[in-house]
PDB file of N, CA and C in Angstrom:
ATOM      1  N   MET A   1       9.729 -49.927  39.373  1.00  0.00           N
ATOM      2  CA  MET A   1       9.246 -49.034  40.368  1.00  0.00           C
ATOM      3  C   MET A   1       8.056 -48.293  39.804  1.00  0.00           C
ATOM      4  N   PRO A   2       6.846 -48.541  40.343  1.00  0.00           N
ATOM      5  CA  PRO A   2       5.688 -47.727  39.824  1.00  0.00           C
ATOM      6  C   PRO A   2       5.836 -46.265  40.226  1.00  0.00           C
ATOM      7  N   ILE A   3       5.531 -45.463  39.200  1.00  0.00           N
ATOM      8  CA  ILE A   3       5.414 -43.998  39.321  1.00  0.00           C
ATOM      9  C   ILE A   3       3.902 -43.621  39.551  1.00  0.00           C
ATOM     10  N   VAL A   4       3.620 -43.069  40.641  1.00  0.00           N
ATOM     11  CA  VAL A   4       2.215 -42.834  40.994  1.00  0.00           C
ATOM     12  C   VAL A   4       1.940 -41.362  41.214  1.00  0.00           C
ATOM     13  N   GLU A   5       0.553 -41.061  41.164  1.00  0.00           N
ATOM     14  CA  GLU A   5       0.130 -39.655  41.365  1.00  0.00           C
ATOM     15  C   GLU A   5       0.272 -39.336  42.905  1.00  0.00           C
ATOM     16  N   GLU A   6      -0.294 -40.238  43.690  1.00  0.00           N
ATOM     17  CA  GLU A   6      -0.275 -40.020  45.142  1.00  0.00           C
ATOM     18  C   GLU A   6       0.031 -41.349  45.835  1.00  0.00           C
ATOM     19  N   ILE A   7       1.177 -41.326  46.586  1.00  0.00           N
ATOM     20  CA  ILE A   7       1.546 -42.580  47.372  1.00  0.00           C
ATOM     21  C   ILE A   7       0.499 -42.973  48.301  1.00  0.00           C
ATOM     22  N   GLU A   8      -0.090 -41.951  48.962  1.00  0.00           N
ATOM     23  CA  GLU A   8      -1.100 -42.217  49.992  1.00  0.00           C
ATOM     24  C   GLU A   8      -2.206 -43.014  49.510  1.00  0.00           C
ATOM     25  N   LYS A   9      -2.637 -42.850  48.198  1.00  0.00           N
ATOM     26  CA  LYS A   9      -3.708 -43.518  47.511  1.00  0.00           C
ATOM     27  C   LYS A   9      -3.320 -44.992  47.347  1.00  0.00           C
ATOM     28  N   SER A  10      -2.089 -45.321  47.121  1.00  0.00           N
ATOM     29  CA  SER A  10      -1.556 -46.656  46.857  1.00  0.00           C
ATOM     30  C   SER A  10      -1.257 -47.484  48.095  1.00  0.00           C
ATOM     31  N   LEU A  11      -0.938 -46.859  49.176  1.00  0.00           N
ATOM     32  CA  LEU A  11      -0.522 -47.592  50.356  1.00  0.00           C
ATOM     33  C   LEU A  11      -1.578 -48.571  50.880  1.00  0.00           C
ATOM     34  N   PRO A  12      -2.872 -48.303  50.931  1.00  0.00           N
ATOM     35  CA  PRO A  12      -3.859 -49.312  51.429  1.00  0.00           C
ATOM     36  C   PRO A  12      -3.767 -50.546  50.619  1.00  0.00           C
ATOM     37  N   PHE A  13      -3.602 -50.468  49.289  1.00  0.00           N
ATOM     38  CA  PHE A  13      -3.501 -51.667  48.449  1.00  0.00           C
ATOM     39  C   PHE A  13      -2.248 -52.481  48.799  1.00  0.00           C
ATOM     40  N   TRP A  14      -1.168 -51.837  48.771  1.00  0.00           N
ATOM     41  CA  TRP A  14       0.130 -52.554  49.020  1.00  0.00           C
ATOM     42  C   TRP A  14       0.268 -53.031  50.426  1.00  0.00           C
ATOM     43  N   MET A  15      -0.059 -52.214  51.333  1.00  0.00           N
ATOM     44  CA  MET A  15       0.209 -52.545  52.779  1.00  0.00           C
ATOM     45  C   MET A  15      -0.947 -53.374  53.378  1.00  0.00           C
ATOM     46  N   ASN A  16      -2.193 -52.817  53.435  1.00  0.00           N
ATOM     47  CA  ASN A  16      -3.349 -53.495  54.080  1.00  0.00           C
ATOM     48  C   ASN A  16      -3.742 -54.745  53.348  1.00  0.00           C
ATOM     49  N   ARG A  17      -3.908 -54.654  51.952  1.00  0.00           N
ATOM     50  CA  ARG A  17      -4.419 -55.711  51.172  1.00  0.00           C
ATOM     51  C   ARG A  17      -3.283 -56.863  50.868  1.00  0.00           C
ATOM     52  N   MET A  18      -2.165 -56.333  50.425  1.00  0.00           N
ATOM     53  CA  MET A  18      -1.173 -57.310  50.038  1.00  0.00           C
ATOM     54  C   MET A  18      -0.024 -57.621  51.019  1.00  0.00           C
ATOM     55  N   GLY A  19      -0.034 -56.875  52.155  1.00  0.00           N
ATOM     56  CA  GLY A  19       0.805 -57.352  53.252  1.00  0.00           C
ATOM     57  C   GLY A  19       2.232 -56.784  53.262  1.00  0.00           C
ATOM     58  N   PHE A  20       2.525 -55.746  52.516  1.00  0.00           N
ATOM     59  CA  PHE A  20       3.846 -55.179  52.534  1.00  0.00           C
ATOM     60  C   PHE A  20       3.892 -54.284  53.728  1.00  0.00           C
ATOM     61  N   SER A  21       5.202 -54.016  54.202  1.00  0.00           N
ATOM     62  CA  SER A  21       5.468 -53.122  55.252  1.00  0.00           C
ATOM     63  C   SER A  21       6.325 -51.961  54.810  1.00  0.00           C
ATOM     64  N   LYS A  22       5.997 -50.711  55.300  1.00  0.00           N
ATOM     65  CA  LYS A  22       6.846 -49.594  54.839  1.00  0.00           C
ATOM     66  C   LYS A  22       8.102 -49.587  55.641  1.00  0.00           C
ATOM     67  N   THR A  23       9.221 -49.514  54.967  1.00  0.00           N
ATOM     68  CA  THR A  23      10.525 -49.499  55.562  1.00  0.00           C
ATOM     69  C   THR A  23      11.226 -48.131  55.495  1.00  0.00           C
ATOM     70  N   VAL A  24      10.911 -47.333  54.406  1.00  0.00           N
ATOM     71  CA  VAL A  24      11.435 -46.091  54.152  1.00  0.00           C
ATOM     72  C   VAL A  24      10.388 -45.214  53.671  1.00  0.00           C
ATOM     73  N   GLU A  25      10.338 -43.927  54.090  1.00  0.00           N
ATOM     74  CA  GLU A  25       9.460 -42.928  53.474  1.00  0.00           C
ATOM     75  C   GLU A  25      10.250 -41.616  53.354  1.00  0.00           C
ATOM     76  N   VAL A  26       9.993 -40.858  52.270  1.00  0.00           N
ATOM     77  CA  VAL A  26      10.640 -39.642  51.997  1.00  0.00           C
ATOM     78  C   VAL A  26       9.504 -38.610  51.767  1.00  0.00           C
ATOM     79  N   PRO A  27       9.349 -37.601  52.611  1.00  0.00           N
ATOM     80  CA  PRO A  27       8.346 -36.569  52.398  1.00  0.00           C
ATOM     81  C   PRO A  27       8.715 -35.743  51.183  1.00  0.00           C
ATOM     82  N   GLU A  28       7.644 -35.185  50.592  1.00  0.00           N
ATOM     83  CA  GLU A  28       7.791 -34.248  49.428  1.00  0.00           C
ATOM     84  C   GLU A  28       6.739 -33.205  49.804  1.00  0.00           C
ATOM     85  N   GLY A  29       7.181 -32.134  50.506  1.00  0.00           N
ATOM     86  CA  GLY A  29       6.237 -31.207  51.062  1.00  0.00           C
ATOM     87  C   GLY A  29       5.373 -31.790  52.083  1.00  0.00           C
ATOM     88  N   ASP A  30       4.008 -31.665  51.951  1.00  0.00           N
ATOM     89  CA  ASP A  30       3.157 -32.181  53.042  1.00  0.00           C
ATOM     90  C   ASP A  30       2.649 -33.614  52.596  1.00  0.00           C
ATOM     91  N   ARG A  31       3.176 -34.200  51.621  1.00  0.00           N
ATOM     92  CA  ARG A  31       2.842 -35.578  51.175  1.00  0.00           C
ATOM     93  C   ARG A  31       4.122 -36.425  51.110  1.00  0.00           C
ATOM     94  N   LEU A  32       3.889 -37.725  50.725  1.00  0.00           N
ATOM     95  CA  LEU A  32       5.006 -38.573  50.559  1.00  0.00           C
ATOM     96  C   LEU A  32       5.445 -38.487  49.115  1.00  0.00           C
ATOM     97  N   GLY A  33       6.810 -38.466  48.870  1.00  0.00           N
ATOM     98  CA  GLY A  33       7.333 -38.390  47.558  1.00  0.00           C
ATOM     99  C   GLY A  33       7.886 -39.809  47.130  1.00  0.00           C
ATOM    100  N   PHE A  34       8.242 -40.570  48.153  1.00  0.00           N
ATOM    101  CA  PHE A  34       8.893 -41.879  47.866  1.00  0.00           C
ATOM    102  C   PHE A  34       8.667 -42.756  49.061  1.00  0.00           C
ATOM    103  N   VAL A  35       8.426 -44.059  48.784  1.00  0.00           N
ATOM    104  CA  VAL A  35       8.369 -45.018  49.858  1.00  0.00           C
ATOM    105  C   VAL A  35       9.067 -46.321  49.330  1.00  0.00           C
ATOM    106  N   MET A  36       9.614 -47.045  50.262  1.00  0.00           N
ATOM    107  CA  MET A  36      10.097 -48.341  50.037  1.00  0.00           C
ATOM    108  C   MET A  36       9.314 -49.352  50.925  1.00  0.00           C
ATOM    109  N   LEU A  37       8.752 -50.443  50.274  1.00  0.00           N
ATOM    110  CA  LEU A  37       7.928 -51.381  50.907  1.00  0.00           C
ATOM    111  C   LEU A  37       8.549 -52.781  50.857  1.00  0.00           C
ATOM    112  N   LEU A  38       8.384 -53.628  51.835  1.00  0.00           N
ATOM    113  CA  LEU A  38       9.016 -54.989  51.925  1.00  0.00           C
ATOM    114  C   LEU A  38       7.996 -55.959  52.378  1.00  0.00           C
ATOM    115  N   ARG A  39       8.085 -57.136  51.714  1.00  0.00           N
ATOM    116  CA  ARG A  39       7.308 -58.345  52.180  1.00  0.00           C
ATOM    117  C   ARG A  39       8.108 -59.607  51.752  1.00  0.00           C
ATOM    118  N   ASP A  40       8.405 -60.361  52.720  1.00  0.00           N
ATOM    119  CA  ASP A  40       8.996 -61.745  52.451  1.00  0.00           C
ATOM    120  C   ASP A  40      10.298 -61.547  51.435  1.00  0.00           C
ATOM    121  N   GLY A  41      11.101 -60.564  51.750  1.00  0.00           N
ATOM    122  CA  GLY A  41      12.192 -60.356  50.812  1.00  0.00           C
ATOM    123  C   GLY A  41      12.055 -59.659  49.612  1.00  0.00           C
ATOM    124  N   ALA A  42      10.810 -59.426  49.246  1.00  0.00           N
ATOM    125  CA  ALA A  42      10.529 -58.593  47.985  1.00  0.00           C
ATOM    126  C   ALA A  42      10.417 -57.165  48.364  1.00  0.00           C
ATOM    127  N   GLU A  43      11.066 -56.364  47.553  1.00  0.00           N
ATOM    128  CA  GLU A  43      11.126 -54.897  47.812  1.00  0.00           C
ATOM    129  C   GLU A  43      10.377 -54.246  46.704  1.00  0.00           C
ATOM    130  N   LEU A  44       9.556 -53.278  47.084  1.00  0.00           N
ATOM    131  CA  LEU A  44       8.736 -52.469  46.167  1.00  0.00           C
ATOM    132  C   LEU A  44       8.963 -50.991  46.466  1.00  0.00           C
ATOM    133  N   MET A  45       9.321 -50.222  45.455  1.00  0.00           N
ATOM    134  CA  MET A  45       9.448 -48.766  45.673  1.00  0.00           C
ATOM    135  C   MET A  45       8.397 -48.024  44.921  1.00  0.00           C
ATOM    136  N   LEU A  46       7.772 -47.000  45.506  1.00  0.00           N
ATOM    137  CA  LEU A  46       6.811 -46.165  44.818  1.00  0.00           C
ATOM    138  C   LEU A  46       7.437 -44.735  44.877  1.00  0.00           C
ATOM    139  N   GLN A  47       7.197 -44.002  43.800  1.00  0.00           N
ATOM    140  CA  GLN A  47       7.666 -42.628  43.772  1.00  0.00           C
ATOM    141  C   GLN A  47       6.579 -41.786  43.019  1.00  0.00           C
ATOM    142  N   THR A  48       6.369 -40.587  43.506  1.00  0.00           N
ATOM    143  CA  THR A  48       5.306 -39.788  42.852  1.00  0.00           C
ATOM    144  C   THR A  48       5.877 -39.101  41.516  1.00  0.00           C
ATOM    145  N   VAL A  49       4.949 -38.726  40.646  1.00  0.00           N
ATOM    146  CA  VAL A  49       5.312 -38.064  39.425  1.00  0.00           C
ATOM    147  C   VAL A  49       6.040 -36.794  39.802  1.00  0.00           C
ATOM    148  N   ALA A  50       5.468 -36.062  40.768  1.00  0.00           N
ATOM    149  CA  ALA A  50       6.088 -34.788  41.229  1.00  0.00           C
ATOM    150  C   ALA A  50       7.544 -34.948  41.692  1.00  0.00           C
ATOM    151  N   SER A  51       7.715 -36.026  42.377  1.00  0.00           N
ATOM    152  CA  SER A  51       9.168 -36.314  42.966  1.00  0.00           C
ATOM    153  C   SER A  51      10.006 -36.688  41.787  1.00  0.00           C
ATOM    154  N   VAL A  52       9.507 -37.454  40.820  1.00  0.00           N
ATOM    155  CA  VAL A  52      10.308 -37.897  39.669  1.00  0.00           C
ATOM    156  C   VAL A  52      10.651 -36.638  38.835  1.00  0.00           C
ATOM    157  N   GLN A  53       9.746 -35.725  38.707  1.00  0.00           N
ATOM    158  CA  GLN A  53      10.008 -34.503  37.928  1.00  0.00           C
ATOM    159  C   GLN A  53      11.114 -33.766  38.541  1.00  0.00           C
ATOM    160  N   LYS A  54      11.222 -33.725  39.888  1.00  0.00           N
ATOM    161  CA  LYS A  54      12.319 -32.964  40.485  1.00  0.00           C
ATOM    162  C   LYS A  54      13.631 -33.774  40.406  1.00  0.00           C
ATOM    163  N   ASP A  55      13.495 -35.076  40.476  1.00  0.00           N
ATOM    164  CA  ASP A  55      14.699 -35.994  40.557  1.00  0.00           C
ATOM    165  C   ASP A  55      15.303 -36.215  39.233  1.00  0.00           C
ATOM    166  N   GLU A  56      14.473 -36.550  38.258  1.00  0.00           N
ATOM    167  CA  GLU A  56      14.947 -36.857  36.828  1.00  0.00           C
ATOM    168  C   GLU A  56      13.786 -36.572  35.868  1.00  0.00           C
ATOM    169  N   PRO A  57      13.647 -35.268  35.458  1.00  0.00           N
ATOM    170  CA  PRO A  57      12.457 -34.883  34.654  1.00  0.00           C
ATOM    171  C   PRO A  57      12.232 -35.699  33.426  1.00  0.00           C
ATOM    172  N   ARG A  58      13.275 -36.307  32.776  1.00  0.00           N
ATOM    173  CA  ARG A  58      13.126 -37.116  31.600  1.00  0.00           C
ATOM    174  C   ARG A  58      12.230 -38.370  31.858  1.00  0.00           C
ATOM    175  N   PHE A  59      12.246 -38.787  33.130  1.00  0.00           N
ATOM    176  CA  PHE A  59      11.428 -39.999  33.417  1.00  0.00           C
ATOM    177  C   PHE A  59       9.976 -39.611  33.863  1.00  0.00           C
ATOM    178  N   ALA A  60       9.688 -38.376  34.109  1.00  0.00           N
ATOM    179  CA  ALA A  60       8.336 -38.060  34.629  1.00  0.00           C
ATOM    180  C   ALA A  60       7.202 -38.357  33.612  1.00  0.00           C
ATOM    181  N   GLY A  61       7.458 -38.279  32.343  1.00  0.00           N
ATOM    182  CA  GLY A  61       6.427 -38.659  31.362  1.00  0.00           C
ATOM    183  C   GLY A  61       6.332 -40.045  30.899  1.00  0.00           C
ATOM    184  N   ALA A  62       7.117 -40.850  31.597  1.00  0.00           N
ATOM    185  CA  ALA A  62       7.177 -42.295  31.197  1.00  0.00           C
ATOM    186  C   ALA A  62       5.785 -42.961  31.470  1.00  0.00           C
ATOM    187  N   ASN A  63       5.618 -44.115  30.639  1.00  0.00           N
ATOM    188  CA  ASN A  63       4.365 -44.855  30.944  1.00  0.00           C
ATOM    189  C   ASN A  63       4.405 -45.460  32.282  1.00  0.00           C
ATOM    190  N   ARG A  64       3.252 -45.860  32.726  1.00  0.00           N
ATOM    191  CA  ARG A  64       3.105 -46.616  34.007  1.00  0.00           C
ATOM    192  C   ARG A  64       3.853 -47.868  33.954  1.00  0.00           C
ATOM    193  N   THR A  65       3.940 -48.558  35.016  1.00  0.00           N
ATOM    194  CA  THR A  65       4.810 -49.782  35.184  1.00  0.00           C
ATOM    195  C   THR A  65       3.924 -51.006  35.157  1.00  0.00           C
ATOM    196  N   ALA A  66       4.399 -52.063  34.654  1.00  0.00           N
ATOM    197  CA  ALA A  66       3.791 -53.406  34.716  1.00  0.00           C
ATOM    198  C   ALA A  66       4.681 -54.287  35.662  1.00  0.00           C
ATOM    199  N   LEU A  67       4.046 -54.816  36.743  1.00  0.00           N
ATOM    200  CA  LEU A  67       4.785 -55.639  37.682  1.00  0.00           C
ATOM    201  C   LEU A  67       4.356 -57.055  37.498  1.00  0.00           C
ATOM    202  N   PHE A  68       5.290 -58.005  37.493  1.00  0.00           N
ATOM    203  CA  PHE A  68       5.018 -59.479  37.551  1.00  0.00           C
ATOM    204  C   PHE A  68       5.647 -59.923  38.858  1.00  0.00           C
ATOM    205  N   ILE A  69       4.862 -60.282  39.793  1.00  0.00           N
ATOM    206  CA  ILE A  69       5.319 -60.683  41.113  1.00  0.00           C
ATOM    207  C   ILE A  69       5.099 -62.135  41.333  1.00  0.00           C
ATOM    208  N   GLU A  70       6.148 -62.845  41.439  1.00  0.00           N
ATOM    209  CA  GLU A  70       6.088 -64.356  41.729  1.00  0.00           C
ATOM    210  C   GLU A  70       5.857 -64.548  43.214  1.00  0.00           C
ATOM    211  N   VAL A  71       4.863 -65.301  43.637  1.00  0.00           N
ATOM    212  CA  VAL A  71       4.524 -65.486  45.016  1.00  0.00           C
ATOM    213  C   VAL A  71       4.610 -66.977  45.319  1.00  0.00           C
ATOM    214  N   ASP A  72       4.730 -67.360  46.682  1.00  0.00           N
ATOM    215  CA  ASP A  72       4.763 -68.701  47.043  1.00  0.00           C
ATOM    216  C   ASP A  72       3.332 -69.243  47.384  1.00  0.00           C
ATOM    217  N   ASP A  73       2.565 -68.304  47.925  1.00  0.00           N
ATOM    218  CA  ASP A  73       1.218 -68.688  48.329  1.00  0.00           C
ATOM    219  C   ASP A  73       0.115 -68.049  47.558  1.00  0.00           C
ATOM    220  N   PHE A  74      -0.304 -68.653  46.425  1.00  0.00           N
ATOM    221  CA  PHE A  74      -1.269 -68.060  45.478  1.00  0.00           C
ATOM    222  C   PHE A  74      -2.658 -67.855  46.213  1.00  0.00           C
ATOM    223  N   GLU A  75      -2.939 -68.838  47.090  1.00  0.00           N
ATOM    224  CA  GLU A  75      -4.238 -68.693  47.820  1.00  0.00           C
ATOM    225  C   GLU A  75      -4.304 -67.508  48.744  1.00  0.00           C
ATOM    226  N   ASP A  76      -3.185 -67.208  49.358  1.00  0.00           N
ATOM    227  CA  ASP A  76      -3.161 -65.924  50.139  1.00  0.00           C
ATOM    228  C   ASP A  76      -3.369 -64.722  49.311  1.00  0.00           C
ATOM    229  N   VAL A  77      -2.734 -64.628  48.072  1.00  0.00           N
ATOM    230  CA  VAL A  77      -3.046 -63.527  47.266  1.00  0.00           C
ATOM    231  C   VAL A  77      -4.461 -63.395  46.898  1.00  0.00           C
ATOM    232  N   LYS A  78      -5.144 -64.585  46.452  1.00  0.00           N
ATOM    233  CA  LYS A  78      -6.527 -64.569  46.168  1.00  0.00           C
ATOM    234  C   LYS A  78      -7.371 -64.012  47.248  1.00  0.00           C
ATOM    235  N   LYS A  79      -7.077 -64.358  48.486  1.00  0.00           N
ATOM    236  CA  LYS A  79      -7.773 -63.905  49.689  1.00  0.00           C
ATOM    237  C   LYS A  79      -7.628 -62.353  49.826  1.00  0.00           C
ATOM    238  N   ARG A  80      -6.423 -61.932  49.625  1.00  0.00           N
ATOM    239  CA  ARG A  80      -6.127 -60.548  49.781  1.00  0.00           C
ATOM    240  C   ARG A  80      -6.826 -59.678  48.693  1.00  0.00           C
ATOM    241  N   LEU A  81      -7.104 -60.274  47.569  1.00  0.00           N
ATOM    242  CA  LEU A  81      -7.701 -59.585  46.494  1.00  0.00           C
ATOM    243  C   LEU A  81      -9.280 -59.660  46.512  1.00  0.00           C
ATOM    244  N   GLU A  82      -9.821 -60.451  47.500  1.00  0.00           N
ATOM    245  CA  GLU A  82     -11.299 -60.588  47.550  1.00  0.00           C
ATOM    246  C   GLU A  82     -11.922 -59.173  47.597  1.00  0.00           C
ATOM    247  N   GLY A  83     -12.946 -58.850  46.739  1.00  0.00           N
ATOM    248  CA  GLY A  83     -13.603 -57.604  46.701  1.00  0.00           C
ATOM    249  C   GLY A  83     -12.842 -56.549  45.901  1.00  0.00           C
ATOM    250  N   TYR A  84     -11.739 -56.853  45.406  1.00  0.00           N
ATOM    251  CA  TYR A  84     -10.939 -55.937  44.560  1.00  0.00           C
ATOM    252  C   TYR A  84     -11.234 -56.280  43.064  1.00  0.00           C
ATOM    253  N   ALA A  85     -11.253 -55.282  42.202  1.00  0.00           N
ATOM    254  CA  ALA A  85     -11.576 -55.492  40.819  1.00  0.00           C
ATOM    255  C   ALA A  85     -10.386 -56.233  40.125  1.00  0.00           C
ATOM    256  N   ILE A  86     -10.815 -57.463  39.594  1.00  0.00           N
ATOM    257  CA  ILE A  86      -9.815 -58.350  39.002  1.00  0.00           C
ATOM    258  C   ILE A  86      -9.906 -58.112  37.433  1.00  0.00           C
ATOM    259  N   VAL A  87      -8.784 -57.789  36.880  1.00  0.00           N
ATOM    260  CA  VAL A  87      -8.771 -57.466  35.454  1.00  0.00           C
ATOM    261  C   VAL A  87      -8.529 -58.675  34.595  1.00  0.00           C
ATOM    262  N   MET A  88      -7.533 -59.520  35.129  1.00  0.00           N
ATOM    263  CA  MET A  88      -7.243 -60.718  34.379  1.00  0.00           C
ATOM    264  C   MET A  88      -7.619 -61.899  35.415  1.00  0.00           C
ATOM    265  N   PRO A  89      -8.667 -62.568  35.222  1.00  0.00           N
ATOM    266  CA  PRO A  89      -9.086 -63.659  36.014  1.00  0.00           C
ATOM    267  C   PRO A  89      -8.037 -64.725  36.186  1.00  0.00           C
ATOM    268  N   GLU A  90      -8.089 -65.464  37.192  1.00  0.00           N
ATOM    269  CA  GLU A  90      -7.096 -66.537  37.466  1.00  0.00           C
ATOM    270  C   GLU A  90      -7.006 -67.409  36.194  1.00  0.00           C
ATOM    271  N   ARG A  91      -5.749 -67.727  35.863  1.00  0.00           N
ATOM    272  CA  ARG A  91      -5.490 -68.625  34.673  1.00  0.00           C
ATOM    273  C   ARG A  91      -4.223 -69.428  34.954  1.00  0.00           C
ATOM    274  N   LYS A  92      -4.111 -70.494  34.213  1.00  0.00           N
ATOM    275  CA  LYS A  92      -2.903 -71.337  34.203  1.00  0.00           C
ATOM    276  C   LYS A  92      -2.266 -71.157  32.834  1.00  0.00           C
ATOM    277  N   THR A  93      -0.981 -70.935  32.843  1.00  0.00           N
ATOM    278  CA  THR A  93      -0.246 -70.600  31.549  1.00  0.00           C
ATOM    279  C   THR A  93       0.517 -71.868  31.046  1.00  0.00           C
ATOM    280  N   PHE A  94       0.923 -71.759  29.812  1.00  0.00           N
ATOM    281  CA  PHE A  94       1.684 -72.822  29.178  1.00  0.00           C
ATOM    282  C   PHE A  94       3.078 -72.915  29.747  1.00  0.00           C
ATOM    283  N   TYR A  95       3.524 -71.764  30.405  1.00  0.00           N
ATOM    284  CA  TYR A  95       4.823 -71.808  30.957  1.00  0.00           C
ATOM    285  C   TYR A  95       4.825 -72.189  32.493  1.00  0.00           C
ATOM    286  N   GLY A  96       3.722 -72.726  32.899  1.00  0.00           N
ATOM    287  CA  GLY A  96       3.702 -73.388  34.258  1.00  0.00           C
ATOM    288  C   GLY A  96       3.433 -72.454  35.400  1.00  0.00           C
ATOM    289  N   MET A  97       2.699 -71.428  35.175  1.00  0.00           N
ATOM    290  CA  MET A  97       2.317 -70.477  36.231  1.00  0.00           C
ATOM    291  C   MET A  97       0.763 -70.314  36.406  1.00  0.00           C
ATOM    292  N   ARG A  98       0.439 -70.050  37.524  1.00  0.00           N
ATOM    293  CA  ARG A  98      -0.984 -69.782  37.949  1.00  0.00           C
ATOM    294  C   ARG A  98      -0.974 -68.211  38.176  1.00  0.00           C
ATOM    295  N   GLU A  99      -1.830 -67.467  37.462  1.00  0.00           N
ATOM    296  CA  GLU A  99      -1.674 -66.091  37.499  1.00  0.00           C
ATOM    297  C   GLU A  99      -3.009 -65.397  37.759  1.00  0.00           C
ATOM    298  N   ILE A 100      -2.988 -64.241  38.268  1.00  0.00           N
ATOM    299  CA  ILE A 100      -4.184 -63.300  38.427  1.00  0.00           C
ATOM    300  C   ILE A 100      -3.697 -61.901  38.291  1.00  0.00           C
ATOM    301  N   GLY A 101      -4.462 -61.037  37.607  1.00  0.00           N
ATOM    302  CA  GLY A 101      -3.985 -59.613  37.382  1.00  0.00           C
ATOM    303  C   GLY A 101      -4.958 -58.625  37.794  1.00  0.00           C
ATOM    304  N   VAL A 102      -4.356 -57.474  38.210  1.00  0.00           N
ATOM    305  CA  VAL A 102      -5.184 -56.319  38.664  1.00  0.00           C
ATOM    306  C   VAL A 102      -4.488 -54.971  38.305  1.00  0.00           C
ATOM    307  N   PHE A 103      -5.258 -53.849  38.332  1.00  0.00           N
ATOM    308  CA  PHE A 103      -4.508 -52.564  38.261  1.00  0.00           C
ATOM    309  C   PHE A 103      -4.402 -52.060  39.631  1.00  0.00           C
ATOM    310  N   ASP A 104      -3.301 -51.522  40.027  1.00  0.00           N
ATOM    311  CA  ASP A 104      -3.202 -50.900  41.289  1.00  0.00           C
ATOM    312  C   ASP A 104      -3.913 -49.548  41.315  1.00  0.00           C
ATOM    313  N   PRO A 105      -3.981 -48.839  42.439  1.00  0.00           N
ATOM    314  CA  PRO A 105      -4.801 -47.568  42.510  1.00  0.00           C
ATOM    315  C   PRO A 105      -4.386 -46.526  41.444  1.00  0.00           C
ATOM    316  N   ASP A 106      -3.234 -46.649  40.968  1.00  0.00           N
ATOM    317  CA  ASP A 106      -2.693 -45.605  39.988  1.00  0.00           C
ATOM    318  C   ASP A 106      -2.723 -46.203  38.534  1.00  0.00           C
ATOM    319  N   GLY A 107      -3.330 -47.369  38.311  1.00  0.00           N
ATOM    320  CA  GLY A 107      -3.437 -47.843  37.032  1.00  0.00           C
ATOM    321  C   GLY A 107      -2.248 -48.638  36.545  1.00  0.00           C
ATOM    322  N   ASN A 108      -1.268 -48.984  37.407  1.00  0.00           N
ATOM    323  CA  ASN A 108      -0.126 -49.888  37.056  1.00  0.00           C
ATOM    324  C   ASN A 108      -0.637 -51.277  36.966  1.00  0.00           C
ATOM    325  N   THR A 109      -0.249 -52.029  35.958  1.00  0.00           N
ATOM    326  CA  THR A 109      -0.606 -53.446  35.858  1.00  0.00           C
ATOM    327  C   THR A 109       0.162 -54.345  36.849  1.00  0.00           C
ATOM    328  N   VAL A 110      -0.547 -55.140  37.656  1.00  0.00           N
ATOM    329  CA  VAL A 110       0.128 -56.005  38.571  1.00  0.00           C
ATOM    330  C   VAL A 110      -0.363 -57.448  38.329  1.00  0.00           C
ATOM    331  N   VAL A 111       0.607 -58.353  38.026  1.00  0.00           N
ATOM    332  CA  VAL A 111       0.226 -59.785  37.816  1.00  0.00           C
ATOM    333  C   VAL A 111       0.976 -60.493  38.934  1.00  0.00           C
ATOM    334  N   PHE A 112       0.161 -61.246  39.711  1.00  0.00           N
ATOM    335  CA  PHE A 112       0.702 -62.096  40.744  1.00  0.00           C
ATOM    336  C   PHE A 112       0.699 -63.539  40.163  1.00  0.00           C
ATOM    337  N   ALA A 113       1.813 -64.235  40.387  1.00  0.00           N
ATOM    338  CA  ALA A 113       1.960 -65.524  39.779  1.00  0.00           C
ATOM    339  C   ALA A 113       2.678 -66.579  40.742  1.00  0.00           C
ATOM    340  N   ALA A 114       2.240 -67.818  40.652  1.00  0.00           N
ATOM    341  CA  ALA A 114       2.893 -68.881  41.413  1.00  0.00           C
ATOM    342  C   ALA A 114       3.096 -70.082  40.497  1.00  0.00           C
ATOM    343  N   ARG A 115       4.268 -70.707  40.738  1.00  0.00           N
ATOM    344  CA  ARG A 115       4.570 -71.892  39.930  1.00  0.00           C
ATOM    345  C   ARG A 115       3.629 -72.961  40.251  1.00  0.00           C
ATOM    346  N   ILE A 116       3.131 -73.711  39.200  1.00  0.00           N
ATOM    347  CA  ILE A 116       2.270 -74.842  39.366  1.00  0.00           C
ATOM    348  C   ILE A 116       3.141 -75.985  39.719  1.00  0.00           C
ATOM    349  N   ALA A 117       2.759 -76.692  40.877  1.00  0.00           N
ATOM    350  CA  ALA A 117       3.533 -77.817  41.327  1.00  0.00           C
ATOM    351  C   ALA A 117       3.423 -79.028  40.265  1.00  0.00           C
ATOM    352  N   GLU A 118       4.466 -79.646  40.082  1.00  0.00           N
ATOM    353  CA  GLU A 118       4.447 -80.785  39.046  1.00  0.00           C
ATOM    354  C   GLU A 118       4.008 -82.074  39.702  1.00  0.00           C
TER     355      GLU A 118
END
């Protein structure tokens, strides 16, 4: 679960660009403190630093998250990332994956990967 400064800043990336839908949201004052997103059976939760500080203060100072998301349609991911800053250009790995990597709006590392057909 990525811990973010502002959920509202991350939603355009995850919903508009990557195609997730918001299924649950929990307000924290006049902002969002937590959301649950869903796409094709994959569930992603985002929680703010402020919300984590209230919920479990020991986790609030933790490092950001690195996500490895396996996808079925790599070309769809590439289209969704058009115009977005790519940190790790597309590559093929020795372990049989095609990958591309970005930082989400809060600096979390996100690697999208698809198995290379044999």
